[in-house]
Amino acid sequence: MISPLSLEIVVLILGIFMLLVESFSKSDDKQGLARFAIVILSALVGFSFFTTGNAGVDLSRAFYSADATALFFKRIALVTTIVVLVMALEYRTVLARFIPGVTPGAGLGEFYSLPIFTCAGLMFMASAVDFLLIFVSLELVTVSFYVLVAYMRRQSTSLEAGVKYLILGALSTGFLVYGITWIFGLTGQTNLYAISEALHTRDIARAPLLFGVMLTLVGLGFKIAAVPFQIWVPDVYQGAPTPVTAFLSVGSKAAGFVVLLRVLEPFLGLSTINTNVLTLLAILAGATLLYGNLAALPQDNLKRLFAYSSIAHAGYLLVAVASVQNSPTSFGSAGVAVGYYLVAYLLMTLLSFLVMIVVSNHSRGDDITHFNGLAKRSPFLAFGMLAAMLSLAGIPFTAGFYGKLLVFAAAIQAGKFVLVGIGVITVAAGFYYYLRVVAAMYWQEPNDDTKITLSFLSKFTIGTLTALIFIFGIFPQPIVQSLRSVPMIQTAQH
């Protein structure tokens, strides 16, 4: 059996190796680095199924947990990074136009290397059960994104996006650290399980504890793009290189929600904290659903539409988190909804961004009008985008539909009928703006009659993601059963 920590070690070694090759190799073309990384990361996905668990580990004294939850989110991070590297290969000609002195495929080693370090940070976040490791891994992810977002140095929108992300990312980190400081000052602990033990064995003032929890939630709210902390999302998503936008949309959100679930667990056993926190989360979920879906309605730029769509999907995930109840089984059902929804969101979002990159390379734009007549130019790409749009909208027999079904089921079980009503209304809004893209592809005449060609790697990736959307939409049991095999958040063994 393989130690789970070895997965992160291999990813870090891979990132360092790629940077060294970039620094000392005389070859201008670094595409081989990205392909090499794709092979190694794919192998790690397979090895992750042969790793050992937490046997014999006292989690109340540990920084790192290797439970089933952690392994599940590690696989999400690895798969997301693989698809992002495929996108980066397709996007290299666009990068070349906005990086001084770079010819297509040359000098892009850093752009292929930084997602590897981001992946390592996401994997550490999935296993972090101590605020110190949560903070360090979060900073590894955030600092990598600071560079990636502003990578196109000749494009003003990319630089503007980088500055906005830097300022608001630093602000969110300040809130998170301040909240951790309050919790540590009251409990004397940074380990989440040790905090849980302290809360149940010591008399700790509830008001300052609630204040610390709220500050921590504000910090995490920035990371998952929940309203009113979403102000950075539209401009950053539109200005960043498209592969980075996809990485921000999927990888960062998945890690943010697993950290949110882990951080909440110690405090939900206290009735006063439980009531206030879940009420706040319900309000945030409703506001995020309404803002994200309504703001997406008038958008003509596809990247900006996906930015507001990302906010909307954060709202659906928050509905599941807000539906947590006091019993461990109820928490597990909310965790299953979050886990499955993130898998569905990964498939449909990465697919839509990959198709968008290919089309934008040929059309020199990412507005919805650039997708006019895509079904005539490339039926394969049009069907891939159709599958992504149907799943994002929540059409039956897609993974997105079953994800929303699990979220609404958890909300009904918890009695959150207002959130269910808001969710139904916003799903209807989603039908409009997602199906606008479908209408452009199939009902409009093409602006350009040239056929769109695809590399084998991109074609294979698009075909796989499209198939998985329908497979997991019709047969969701493999993912659901793997999530239900253990509680989403495990109770510490004291």
Foldseek 3Di string as FASTA:
>chain_A
DAAPVVLLVVLVVLLVVLVVCLVPPPDFAPLVSLVVLLVVLVVSLVCLVVHDFCPPPFLLPDFFGRHLLLSLLLSLLSVLLSLLSVLCLLCQCVLQVQDPPHDRRGSCSLVSSLSSQLSSLLSQLSTGQFLVSVLVSVVSNLVSLLCQQLVRVNDVLSVVLSVLSVVLLVVLSVLQVVLLVLLCVQQVGGGLQSSLVSVVPDDTDDVSNLVSVVSNVSSLCLQQLWPPNNVSQLSSQVRGRLSSSLCSLQSSNSSSVSNVLSNCVSPCLDPVSVVVVLVVLLVRLLVQLVQLLVVLLVDFFPSSSVSSLSSNLSSLLSLLVSLAHNDLVLLQLSLLLNSLLSVLCNLLSSLLSSLQSLLCVVQVGRTLLSLAQVCQQDVLSLLLLVLSLCLSLQPALFSNVVSSVSSLVSNVVSVVVVSNVSVVVSSVSSCNSSCSSNCRHPPGHHPDNHHGDDDPVSSVSSVVSSVVRNVCSVVVVVSSVSSPVDRSHDNGDD
